[in-house]
C-alpha atoms as a PDB file:
ATOM      1  CA  MET A   1     105.463 107.551 100.067  1.00  0.00           C
ATOM      2  CA  ILE A   2     104.119 104.636 102.126  1.00  0.00           C
ATOM      3  CA  ASP A   3     100.617 103.486 102.718  1.00  0.00           C
ATOM      4  CA  VAL A   4     100.282 101.088 105.827  1.00  0.00           C
ATOM      5  CA  ILE A   5      97.046  99.264 105.551  1.00  0.00           C
ATOM      6  CA  VAL A   6      95.587  97.595 108.709  1.00  0.00           C
ATOM      7  CA  PRO A   7      92.458  95.467 108.275  1.00  0.00           C
ATOM      8  CA  ASN A   8      90.379  95.282 111.425  1.00  0.00           C
ATOM      9  CA  TYR A   9      87.370  93.422 112.573  1.00  0.00           C
ATOM     10  CA  ASN A  10      86.171  93.738 116.243  1.00  0.00           C
ATOM     11  CA  GLY A  11      89.913  94.373 117.158  1.00  0.00           C
ATOM     12  CA  VAL A  12      89.214  97.091 119.750  1.00  0.00           C
ATOM     13  CA  GLU A  13      91.516  95.452 122.230  1.00  0.00           C
ATOM     14  CA  LEU A  14      94.340  94.861 119.696  1.00  0.00           C
ATOM     15  CA  LEU A  15      94.372  98.177 117.896  1.00  0.00           C
ATOM     16  CA  PRO A  16      96.158 100.202 120.416  1.00  0.00           C
ATOM     17  CA  THR A  17      99.246  98.060 120.524  1.00  0.00           C
ATOM     18  CA  CYS A  18      99.512  97.909 116.735  1.00  0.00           C
ATOM     19  CA  LEU A  19      98.813 101.701 116.123  1.00  0.00           C
ATOM     20  CA  ASP A  20     101.030 102.705 118.997  1.00  0.00           C
ATOM     21  CA  ALA A  21     103.970 100.857 117.309  1.00  0.00           C
ATOM     22  CA  LEU A  22     103.096 102.474 114.116  1.00  0.00           C
ATOM     23  CA  ARG A  23     103.268 105.865 115.670  1.00  0.00           C
ATOM     24  CA  ALA A  24     106.823 104.996 117.195  1.00  0.00           C
ATOM     25  CA  GLN A  25     108.145 104.194 113.570  1.00  0.00           C
ATOM     26  CA  THR A  26     111.435 105.769 112.608  1.00  0.00           C
ATOM     27  CA  ARG A  27     110.353 106.146 109.188  1.00  0.00           C
ATOM     28  CA  ARG A  28     107.854 109.097 109.086  1.00  0.00           C
ATOM     29  CA  ASP A  29     106.565 109.182 105.584  1.00  0.00           C
ATOM     30  CA  ALA A  30     103.769 106.688 106.122  1.00  0.00           C
ATOM     31  CA  LEU A  31      99.893 107.247 106.203  1.00  0.00           C
ATOM     32  CA  VAL A  32      98.204 104.586 108.182  1.00  0.00           C
ATOM     33  CA  THR A  33      94.813 103.548 106.902  1.00  0.00           C
ATOM     34  CA  VAL A  34      92.605 101.145 109.014  1.00  0.00           C
ATOM     35  CA  VAL A  35      89.887  99.282 107.142  1.00  0.00           C
ATOM     36  CA  ASP A  36      87.250  98.536 109.692  1.00  0.00           C
ATOM     37  CA  ASP A  37      85.460  95.401 108.271  1.00  0.00           C
ATOM     38  CA  GLY A  38      82.033  95.935 109.911  1.00  0.00           C
ATOM     39  CA  SER A  39      83.124  95.880 113.475  1.00  0.00           C
ATOM     40  CA  ALA A  40      80.526  96.058 116.284  1.00  0.00           C
ATOM     41  CA  ASP A  41      82.969  96.510 119.288  1.00  0.00           C
ATOM     42  CA  GLY A  42      83.737 100.243 119.404  1.00  0.00           C
ATOM     43  CA  SER A  43      86.712 100.030 117.041  1.00  0.00           C
ATOM     44  CA  ARG A  44      85.629 103.032 115.258  1.00  0.00           C
ATOM     45  CA  ALA A  45      84.949 105.092 118.270  1.00  0.00           C
ATOM     46  CA  LEU A  46      88.533 104.263 119.517  1.00  0.00           C
ATOM     47  CA  LEU A  47      90.044 105.196 116.287  1.00  0.00           C
ATOM     48  CA  ALA A  48      88.211 108.568 116.141  1.00  0.00           C
ATOM     49  CA  GLU A  49      89.055 109.417 119.839  1.00  0.00           C
ATOM     50  CA  ARG A  50      92.657 108.206 120.120  1.00  0.00           C
ATOM     51  CA  TYR A  51      94.089 108.109 116.564  1.00  0.00           C
ATOM     52  CA  PRO A  52      92.836 111.099 114.700  1.00  0.00           C
ATOM     53  CA  GLU A  53      95.957 110.842 112.297  1.00  0.00           C
ATOM     54  CA  VAL A  54      94.655 107.501 111.027  1.00  0.00           C
ATOM     55  CA  GLN A  55      92.545 107.358 107.776  1.00  0.00           C
ATOM     56  CA  VAL A  56      89.672 105.033 108.466  1.00  0.00           C
ATOM     57  CA  VAL A  57      87.765 103.139 105.677  1.00  0.00           C
ATOM     58  CA  ALA A  58      84.507 101.840 107.323  1.00  0.00           C
ATOM     59  CA  LEU A  59      82.752  99.063 105.654  1.00  0.00           C
ATOM     60  CA  PRO A  60      79.051  98.767 106.435  1.00  0.00           C
ATOM     61  CA  ARG A  61      79.324  94.986 106.773  1.00  0.00           C
ATOM     62  CA  ASN A  62      81.869  92.417 107.427  1.00  0.00           C
ATOM     63  CA  ARG A  63      83.149  91.138 103.958  1.00  0.00           C
ATOM     64  CA  GLY A  64      86.365  89.290 104.919  1.00  0.00           C
ATOM     65  CA  LEU A  65      90.080  90.039 104.899  1.00  0.00           C
ATOM     66  CA  ALA A  66      90.575  89.939 101.127  1.00  0.00           C
ATOM     67  CA  ALA A  67      87.862  92.551 100.519  1.00  0.00           C
ATOM     68  CA  ALA A  68      88.942  94.662 103.411  1.00  0.00           C
ATOM     69  CA  VAL A  69      92.505  94.878 101.944  1.00  0.00           C
ATOM     70  CA  ASN A  70      91.185  95.544  98.578  1.00  0.00           C
ATOM     71  CA  ALA A  71      89.140  98.552  99.986  1.00  0.00           C
ATOM     72  CA  GLY A  72      92.199  99.863 101.516  1.00  0.00           C
ATOM     73  CA  LEU A  73      94.212  99.634  98.316  1.00  0.00           C
ATOM     74  CA  ALA A  74      91.495 101.523  96.479  1.00  0.00           C
ATOM     75  CA  ALA A  75      91.365 104.207  99.185  1.00  0.00           C
ATOM     76  CA  THR A  76      95.229 104.834  98.880  1.00  0.00           C
ATOM     77  CA  ARG A  77      97.692 105.851  96.201  1.00  0.00           C
ATOM     78  CA  ARG A  78     101.158 105.880  97.574  1.00  0.00           C
ATOM     79  CA  PRO A  79     104.091 103.927  95.637  1.00  0.00           C
ATOM     80  CA  PHE A  80     104.821 101.582  98.486  1.00  0.00           C
ATOM     81  CA  VAL A  81     102.072  99.557 100.446  1.00  0.00           C
ATOM     82  CA  ALA A  82     102.717  97.810 103.578  1.00  0.00           C
ATOM     83  CA  LEU A  83     100.154  95.324 105.110  1.00  0.00           C
ATOM     84  CA  LEU A  84      99.888  94.791 108.734  1.00  0.00           C
ATOM     85  CA  ASN A  85      97.547  92.626 110.750  1.00  0.00           C
ATOM     86  CA  ASN A  86      95.875  94.447 113.727  1.00  0.00           C
ATOM     87  CA  ASP A  87      97.148  91.781 116.023  1.00  0.00           C
ATOM     88  CA  THR A  88     100.763  92.776 115.771  1.00  0.00           C
ATOM     89  CA  GLU A  89     103.367  95.038 117.214  1.00  0.00           C
ATOM     90  CA  ALA A  90     106.053  96.284 114.925  1.00  0.00           C
ATOM     91  CA  HIS A  91     109.595  96.891 115.930  1.00  0.00           C
ATOM     92  CA  PRO A  92     110.245 100.802 115.569  1.00  0.00           C
ATOM     93  CA  ALA A  93     112.525 100.280 112.616  1.00  0.00           C
ATOM     94  CA  TRP A  94     110.173  97.982 110.874  1.00  0.00           C
ATOM     95  CA  LEU A  95     109.063 100.305 108.059  1.00  0.00           C
ATOM     96  CA  GLU A  96     112.538 101.786 107.740  1.00  0.00           C
ATOM     97  CA  ARG A  97     114.137  98.408 106.930  1.00  0.00           C
ATOM     98  CA  LEU A  98     111.263  96.809 105.099  1.00  0.00           C
ATOM     99  CA  ILE A  99     110.673  99.666 102.751  1.00  0.00           C
ATOM    100  CA  GLY A 100     114.373 100.493 102.635  1.00  0.00           C
ATOM    101  CA  ALA A 101     115.146  96.953 101.161  1.00  0.00           C
ATOM    102  CA  LEU A 102     112.610  97.596  98.159  1.00  0.00           C
ATOM    103  CA  GLU A 103     114.256 100.973  97.630  1.00  0.00           C
ATOM    104  CA  ARG A 104     117.893  99.477  97.632  1.00  0.00           C
ATOM    105  CA  TYR A 105     116.849  96.355  95.572  1.00  0.00           C
ATOM    106  CA  PRO A 106     114.670  97.344  92.550  1.00  0.00           C
ATOM    107  CA  ALA A 107     114.620  93.664  91.220  1.00  0.00           C
ATOM    108  CA  TYR A 108     112.237  92.904  94.056  1.00  0.00           C
ATOM    109  CA  ALA A 109     108.481  93.584  93.937  1.00  0.00           C
ATOM    110  CA  PHE A 110     107.581  92.351  97.511  1.00  0.00           C
ATOM    111  CA  ALA A 111     109.305  92.382 100.846  1.00  0.00           C
ATOM    112  CA  ALA A 112     108.863  89.760 103.829  1.00  0.00           C
ATOM    113  CA  SER A 113     109.354  90.619 107.405  1.00  0.00           C
ATOM    114  CA  LYS A 114     110.612  88.447 110.185  1.00  0.00           C
ATOM    115  CA  LEU A 115     107.552  87.594 112.229  1.00  0.00           C
ATOM    116  CA  LEU A 116     108.056  86.476 115.812  1.00  0.00           C
ATOM    117  CA  LEU A 117     105.577  85.189 118.480  1.00  0.00           C
ATOM    118  CA  PHE A 118     104.130  88.019 120.520  1.00  0.00           C
ATOM    119  CA  ASP A 119     104.190  86.016 123.746  1.00  0.00           C
ATOM    120  CA  ARG A 120     107.441  84.129 123.217  1.00  0.00           C
ATOM    121  CA  ARG A 121     109.558  86.657 121.282  1.00  0.00           C
ATOM    122  CA  ASP A 122     112.514  84.439 120.664  1.00  0.00           C
ATOM    123  CA  TYR A 123     110.481  82.030 118.437  1.00  0.00           C
ATOM    124  CA  LEU A 124     109.506  82.383 114.832  1.00  0.00           C
ATOM    125  CA  HIS A 125     106.294  82.464 113.142  1.00  0.00           C
ATOM    126  CA  SER A 126     107.600  83.284 109.640  1.00  0.00           C
ATOM    127  CA  ALA A 127     110.974  84.158 107.890  1.00  0.00           C
ATOM    128  CA  GLY A 128     109.181  84.315 104.528  1.00  0.00           C
ATOM    129  CA  ASP A 129     106.757  81.884 103.010  1.00  0.00           C
ATOM    130  CA  PHE A 130     107.309  78.923 100.835  1.00  0.00           C
ATOM    131  CA  TYR A 131     104.935  76.708  98.682  1.00  0.00           C
ATOM    132  CA  ARG A 132     104.812  73.053  98.138  1.00  0.00           C
ATOM    133  CA  PRO A 133     103.748  71.313  94.915  1.00  0.00           C
ATOM    134  CA  ASP A 134     101.089  69.400  96.885  1.00  0.00           C
ATOM    135  CA  GLY A 135      99.317  72.766  97.413  1.00  0.00           C
ATOM    136  CA  GLU A 136     100.306  73.181 100.988  1.00  0.00           C
ATOM    137  CA  PRO A 137     101.846  76.527 101.930  1.00  0.00           C
ATOM    138  CA  GLY A 138     104.282  77.049 104.861  1.00  0.00           C
ATOM    139  CA  SER A 139     106.248  79.454 106.682  1.00  0.00           C
ATOM    140  CA  ARG A 140     110.082  79.206 107.039  1.00  0.00           C
ATOM    141  CA  GLY A 141     111.147  78.620 110.602  1.00  0.00           C
ATOM    142  CA  VAL A 142     107.626  78.195 112.063  1.00  0.00           C
ATOM    143  CA  TRP A 143     107.825  77.328 115.867  1.00  0.00           C
ATOM    144  CA  GLU A 144     111.786  77.305 115.733  1.00  0.00           C
ATOM    145  CA  ARG A 145     113.649  79.241 118.359  1.00  0.00           C
ATOM    146  CA  ASP A 146     115.220  82.296 116.574  1.00  0.00           C
ATOM    147  CA  ARG A 147     118.956  81.786 116.838  1.00  0.00           C
ATOM    148  CA  GLY A 148     119.816  83.870 113.833  1.00  0.00           C
ATOM    149  CA  GLN A 149     119.454  80.895 111.500  1.00  0.00           C
ATOM    150  CA  TYR A 150     117.515  83.084 109.079  1.00  0.00           C
ATOM    151  CA  ASP A 151     119.252  86.384 109.472  1.00  0.00           C
ATOM    152  CA  ALA A 152     120.606  86.515 106.064  1.00  0.00           C
ATOM    153  CA  VAL A 153     118.852  88.963 103.465  1.00  0.00           C
ATOM    154  CA  SER A 154     117.605  86.364 100.965  1.00  0.00           C
ATOM    155  CA  GLU A 155     114.972  85.685  98.383  1.00  0.00           C
ATOM    156  CA  VAL A 156     111.988  83.737  99.417  1.00  0.00           C
ATOM    157  CA  PHE A 157     108.858  82.411  97.597  1.00  0.00           C
ATOM    158  CA  GLY A 158     106.562  85.268  99.131  1.00  0.00           C
ATOM    159  CA  PRO A 159     105.646  87.170 102.089  1.00  0.00           C
ATOM    160  CA  CYS A 160     103.167  86.519 104.754  1.00  0.00           C
ATOM    161  CA  ALA A 161     100.694  89.332 104.255  1.00  0.00           C
ATOM    162  CA  GLY A 162     100.354  89.820 107.953  1.00  0.00           C
ATOM    163  CA  ALA A 163     103.429  92.050 107.730  1.00  0.00           C
ATOM    164  CA  ALA A 164     104.567  92.698 104.282  1.00  0.00           C
ATOM    165  CA  ALA A 165     105.422  95.403 101.782  1.00  0.00           C
ATOM    166  CA  TYR A 166     104.772  95.657  98.103  1.00  0.00           C
ATOM    167  CA  ARG A 167     105.382  98.056  95.158  1.00  0.00           C
ATOM    168  CA  ARG A 168     102.005  99.458  94.155  1.00  0.00           C
ATOM    169  CA  SER A 169     102.939  99.142  90.590  1.00  0.00           C
ATOM    170  CA  ALA A 170     103.427  95.423  91.074  1.00  0.00           C
ATOM    171  CA  LEU A 171     100.098  94.995  92.883  1.00  0.00           C
ATOM    172  CA  GLU A 172      98.265  97.007  90.102  1.00  0.00           C
ATOM    173  CA  ALA A 173      99.774  94.703  87.414  1.00  0.00           C
ATOM    174  CA  LEU A 174      98.545  91.633  89.301  1.00  0.00           C
ATOM    175  CA  ALA A 175      94.911  92.878  89.769  1.00  0.00           C
ATOM    176  CA  GLU A 176      92.075  90.801  88.570  1.00  0.00           C
ATOM    177  CA  ASP A 177      88.941  92.736  87.562  1.00  0.00           C
ATOM    178  CA  GLY A 178      90.402  95.534  89.438  1.00  0.00           C
ATOM    179  CA  ARG A 179      90.949  93.753  92.669  1.00  0.00           C
ATOM    180  CA  VAL A 180      94.418  92.769  94.058  1.00  0.00           C
ATOM    181  CA  PHE A 181      93.260  90.010  96.278  1.00  0.00           C
ATOM    182  CA  ASP A 182      90.775  87.428  95.302  1.00  0.00           C
ATOM    183  CA  GLU A 183      87.684  88.220  97.388  1.00  0.00           C
ATOM    184  CA  ASP A 184      86.297  84.643  96.562  1.00  0.00           C
ATOM    185  CA  LEU A 185      88.838  83.187  98.993  1.00  0.00           C
ATOM    186  CA  GLY A 186      87.547  85.401 101.835  1.00  0.00           C
ATOM    187  CA  MET A 187      90.478  84.787 104.123  1.00  0.00           C
ATOM    188  CA  TYR A 188      93.397  82.480 104.501  1.00  0.00           C
ATOM    189  CA  CYS A 189      95.642  81.776 101.600  1.00  0.00           C
ATOM    190  CA  GLU A 190      94.648  85.041  99.869  1.00  0.00           C
ATOM    191  CA  ASP A 191      98.346  86.075 100.133  1.00  0.00           C
ATOM    192  CA  VAL A 192      99.423  82.648  98.901  1.00  0.00           C
ATOM    193  CA  ASP A 193      97.309  83.280  95.800  1.00  0.00           C
ATOM    194  CA  LEU A 194      98.752  86.599  95.207  1.00  0.00           C
ATOM    195  CA  ASN A 195     102.351  85.137  95.742  1.00  0.00           C
ATOM    196  CA  LEU A 196     101.819  82.582  93.115  1.00  0.00           C
ATOM    197  CA  ARG A 197     100.297  85.170  90.597  1.00  0.00           C
ATOM    198  CA  ALA A 198     103.296  87.125  91.296  1.00  0.00           C
ATOM    199  CA  ARG A 199     105.727  84.337  90.720  1.00  0.00           C
ATOM    200  CA  ARG A 200     104.002  83.346  87.469  1.00  0.00           C
ATOM    201  CA  ARG A 201     104.824  86.940  86.301  1.00  0.00           C
ATOM    202  CA  GLY A 202     108.488  86.885  87.288  1.00  0.00           C
ATOM    203  CA  MET A 203     107.888  89.004  90.381  1.00  0.00           C
ATOM    204  CA  ARG A 204     110.330  88.332  93.263  1.00  0.00           C
ATOM    205  CA  THR A 205     110.281  88.647  97.172  1.00  0.00           C
ATOM    206  CA  ILE A 206     113.116  89.554  99.337  1.00  0.00           C
ATOM    207  CA  PHE A 207     113.103  88.536 102.983  1.00  0.00           C
ATOM    208  CA  VAL A 208     114.359  91.385 105.467  1.00  0.00           C
ATOM    209  CA  PRO A 209     115.410  89.667 108.789  1.00  0.00           C
ATOM    210  CA  THR A 210     115.885  92.973 110.560  1.00  0.00           C
ATOM    211  CA  ALA A 211     112.320  94.105 109.717  1.00  0.00           C
ATOM    212  CA  VAL A 212     110.755  92.563 112.801  1.00  0.00           C
ATOM    213  CA  VAL A 213     107.204  92.160 113.890  1.00  0.00           C
ATOM    214  CA  TYR A 214     105.514  90.477 116.829  1.00  0.00           C
ATOM    215  CA  HIS A 215     102.475  88.582 116.131  1.00  0.00           C
ATOM    216  CA  ARG A 216      99.467  87.308 118.270  1.00  0.00           C
ATOM    217  CA  LEU A 217      98.645  84.319 116.553  1.00  0.00           C
ATOM    218  CA  SER A 218      95.133  84.111 115.202  1.00  0.00           C
ATOM    219  CA  ALA A 219      93.969  86.798 117.737  1.00  0.00           C
ATOM    220  CA  THR A 220      91.206  87.906 115.134  1.00  0.00           C
ATOM    221  CA  GLY A 221      90.499  84.672 113.266  1.00  0.00           C
ATOM    222  CA  GLY A 222      92.030  81.327 113.991  1.00  0.00           C
ATOM    223  CA  GLY A 223      90.256  78.298 115.495  1.00  0.00           C
ATOM    224  CA  THR A 224      87.325  76.677 113.357  1.00  0.00           C
ATOM    225  CA  LEU A 225      87.440  79.638 111.012  1.00  0.00           C
ATOM    226  CA  ALA A 226      90.955  79.084 110.068  1.00  0.00           C
ATOM    227  CA  SER A 227      90.374  75.166 109.801  1.00  0.00           C
ATOM    228  CA  TYR A 228      87.405  75.876 107.377  1.00  0.00           C
ATOM    229  CA  TYR A 229      89.157  78.331 105.234  1.00  0.00           C
ATOM    230  CA  CYS A 230      92.480  76.374 104.929  1.00  0.00           C
ATOM    231  CA  GLY A 231      90.491  73.186 104.199  1.00  0.00           C
ATOM    232  CA  ARG A 232      88.680  75.027 101.410  1.00  0.00           C
ATOM    233  CA  ASN A 233      91.435  77.293 100.078  1.00  0.00           C
ATOM    234  CA  PHE A 234      94.562  75.046  99.822  1.00  0.00           C
ATOM    235  CA  ALA A 235      92.894  73.112  96.907  1.00  0.00           C
ATOM    236  CA  LEU A 236      91.216  76.204  95.321  1.00  0.00           C
ATOM    237  CA  VAL A 237      94.633  78.152  95.248  1.00  0.00           C
ATOM    238  CA  TRP A 238      96.368  75.200  93.681  1.00  0.00           C
ATOM    239  CA  ALA A 239      93.596  74.546  91.013  1.00  0.00           C
ATOM    240  CA  LYS A 240      93.593  78.295  89.958  1.00  0.00           C
ATOM    241  CA  ASN A 241      97.279  78.916  89.813  1.00  0.00           C
ATOM    242  CA  MET A 242      99.364  75.839  89.281  1.00  0.00           C
ATOM    243  CA  PRO A 243     100.628  76.016  85.489  1.00  0.00           C
ATOM    244  CA  THR A 244      99.493  73.139  83.395  1.00  0.00           C
ATOM    245  CA  PRO A 245     102.849  71.318  83.077  1.00  0.00           C
ATOM    246  CA  LEU A 246     103.242  71.399  86.909  1.00  0.00           C
ATOM    247  CA  ALA A 247      99.740  70.524  87.418  1.00  0.00           C
ATOM    248  CA  ARG A 248     100.017  67.401  85.253  1.00  0.00           C
ATOM    249  CA  ARG A 249     103.019  66.368  87.197  1.00  0.00           C
ATOM    250  CA  TYR A 250     101.773  67.035  90.755  1.00  0.00           C
ATOM    251  CA  TRP A 251      98.105  66.352  90.891  1.00  0.00           C
ATOM    252  CA  PRO A 252      98.630  63.022  92.522  1.00  0.00           C
ATOM    253  CA  ALA A 253     100.548  64.981  95.257  1.00  0.00           C
ATOM    254  CA  LEU A 254      97.682  67.347  95.692  1.00  0.00           C
ATOM    255  CA  LEU A 255      95.021  64.433  95.937  1.00  0.00           C
ATOM    256  CA  THR A 256      97.401  62.620  98.492  1.00  0.00           C
ATOM    257  CA  SER A 257      97.480  65.727 100.672  1.00  0.00           C
ATOM    258  CA  GLN A 258      93.669  66.294 100.521  1.00  0.00           C
ATOM    259  CA  VAL A 259      93.007  62.653 101.396  1.00  0.00           C
ATOM    260  CA  ARG A 260      95.429  62.961 104.250  1.00  0.00           C
ATOM    261  CA  PHE A 261      93.623  66.073 105.735  1.00  0.00           C
ATOM    262  CA  ALA A 262      90.285  64.387 105.300  1.00  0.00           C
ATOM    263  CA  LEU A 263      91.236  61.178 106.933  1.00  0.00           C
ATOM    264  CA  HIS A 264      93.140  63.086 109.818  1.00  0.00           C
ATOM    265  CA  SER A 265      89.815  65.055 110.368  1.00  0.00           C
ATOM    266  CA  LEU A 266      87.757  62.038 110.319  1.00  0.00           C
ATOM    267  CA  ARG A 267      89.887  60.539 112.996  1.00  0.00           C
ATOM    268  CA  HIS A 268      89.302  63.472 115.007  1.00  0.00           C
ATOM    269  CA  ILE A 269      85.666  64.116 114.148  1.00  0.00           C
ATOM    270  CA  ARG A 270      84.501  64.923 117.709  1.00  0.00           C
ATOM    271  CA  GLU A 271      86.745  68.096 117.590  1.00  0.00           C
ATOM    272  CA  PRO A 272      85.174  71.229 116.110  1.00  0.00           C
ATOM    273  CA  ALA A 273      88.320  72.259 114.054  1.00  0.00           C
ATOM    274  CA  ALA A 274      88.186  68.873 112.385  1.00  0.00           C
ATOM    275  CA  ARG A 275      84.730  69.137 111.342  1.00  0.00           C
ATOM    276  CA  ALA A 276      85.374  72.673 110.097  1.00  0.00           C
ATOM    277  CA  ARG A 277      88.064  71.372 107.886  1.00  0.00           C
ATOM    278  CA  LEU A 278      85.966  68.780 106.443  1.00  0.00           C
ATOM    279  CA  ARG A 279      83.221  71.328 105.606  1.00  0.00           C
ATOM    280  CA  GLY A 280      85.908  73.466 103.997  1.00  0.00           C
ATOM    281  CA  GLN A 281      87.072  70.534 101.738  1.00  0.00           C
ATOM    282  CA  VAL A 282      83.332  70.002 100.698  1.00  0.00           C
ATOM    283  CA  ALA A 283      82.984  73.791 100.043  1.00  0.00           C
ATOM    284  CA  ALA A 284      86.058  73.506  97.914  1.00  0.00           C
ATOM    285  CA  LEU A 285      84.419  71.072  95.544  1.00  0.00           C
ATOM    286  CA  ARG A 286      81.431  73.377  95.150  1.00  0.00           C
ATOM    287  CA  ALA A 287      83.723  76.203  94.465  1.00  0.00           C
ATOM    288  CA  LEU A 288      85.940  74.468  92.098  1.00  0.00           C
ATOM    289  CA  PRO A 289      84.338  75.427  88.734  1.00  0.00           C
ATOM    290  CA  LEU A 290      84.376  79.110  89.727  1.00  0.00           C
ATOM    291  CA  PHE A 291      88.170  78.821  90.311  1.00  0.00           C
ATOM    292  CA  LEU A 292      88.929  76.783  87.154  1.00  0.00           C
ATOM    293  CA  ARG A 293      87.133  79.684  85.239  1.00  0.00           C
ATOM    294  CA  LYS A 294      89.544  82.003  86.985  1.00  0.00           C
ATOM    295  CA  ARG A 295      92.439  79.759  85.931  1.00  0.00           C
ATOM    296  CA  ARG A 296      91.426  80.223  82.241  1.00  0.00           C
ATOM    297  CA  ARG A 297      91.762  84.088  82.678  1.00  0.00           C
ATOM    298  CA  LEU A 298      95.349  83.973  83.955  1.00  0.00           C
ATOM    299  CA  LEU A 299      98.107  84.836  81.501  1.00  0.00           C
ATOM    300  CA  PRO A 300      99.395  81.826  79.739  1.00  0.00           C
ATOM    301  CA  ASP A 301     102.678  82.005  81.823  1.00  0.00           C
ATOM    302  CA  GLU A 302     103.832  78.359  82.471  1.00  0.00           C
ATOM    303  CA  THR A 303     107.161  79.423  83.985  1.00  0.00           C
ATOM    304  CA  LEU A 304     106.310  79.346  87.731  1.00  0.00           C
ATOM    305  CA  SER A 305     109.219  78.057  89.874  1.00  0.00           C
ATOM    306  CA  LEU A 306     108.202  76.648  93.369  1.00  0.00           C
ATOM    307  CA  ALA A 307     111.670  77.443  94.666  1.00  0.00           C
ATOM    308  CA  PRO A 308     112.910  81.173  95.002  1.00  0.00           C
END
């Protein structure tokens, strides 16, 4: 009934914690699929030796997170899909509570987990995601101590795909050229793009505070890689998805945000992350024509609400 898809790139040291936690789930009707994205660190040997119950989709070369998840979706068929980063440890009741929420509340297409920091388990990483009209995505509660302030089941803008659940029918309805995640984004913000497309189609996300996952921040990515792709993809996701009435209203906010990021990077130009972010912003300008063409292929639905 459930497919759990775990993208992996050189995560041989991370996979045991992730997969052992999935073995311990109280909900037992899940097939785990690891999509190995061209790893060269022994990940595949580990999977074959220690996790024979796991389905492995082995990509011959590294194609990026979005492509890896799409490969996992193409190789699976069950009606509920859970995505989980390889640098996580899920609470034993995670699947039971997350998928259970979708079963109980048919009005919701996606479900968001409560993500806590792996090494500081009383601090939040995400209690569901939000999106600002200036193109900056964010996570509710990030860096806050978890005092129960987000413990109500509630609607949020979208889930962080590092630990999320989806109705497969919703993902199939959102596919572009047969692909659910936009592979031209590579990684970072591919879930923001999906959430925006879902919101434009009226699809809703429920936050399930009892579905807890502990996350090692950026154990697989992060650093200059994250800085580059965030610098590139913030503007591209906005340009692709913001409905015309909202784009006309908020383009000055987008421009202000982008200039602020550029000035901050210039002030810290000696730092590798700052230089990577500037390179990403330049790359966004080169990729903008492609994403404007993608925009024209979206359904002419201008009903996007930025608030849940």
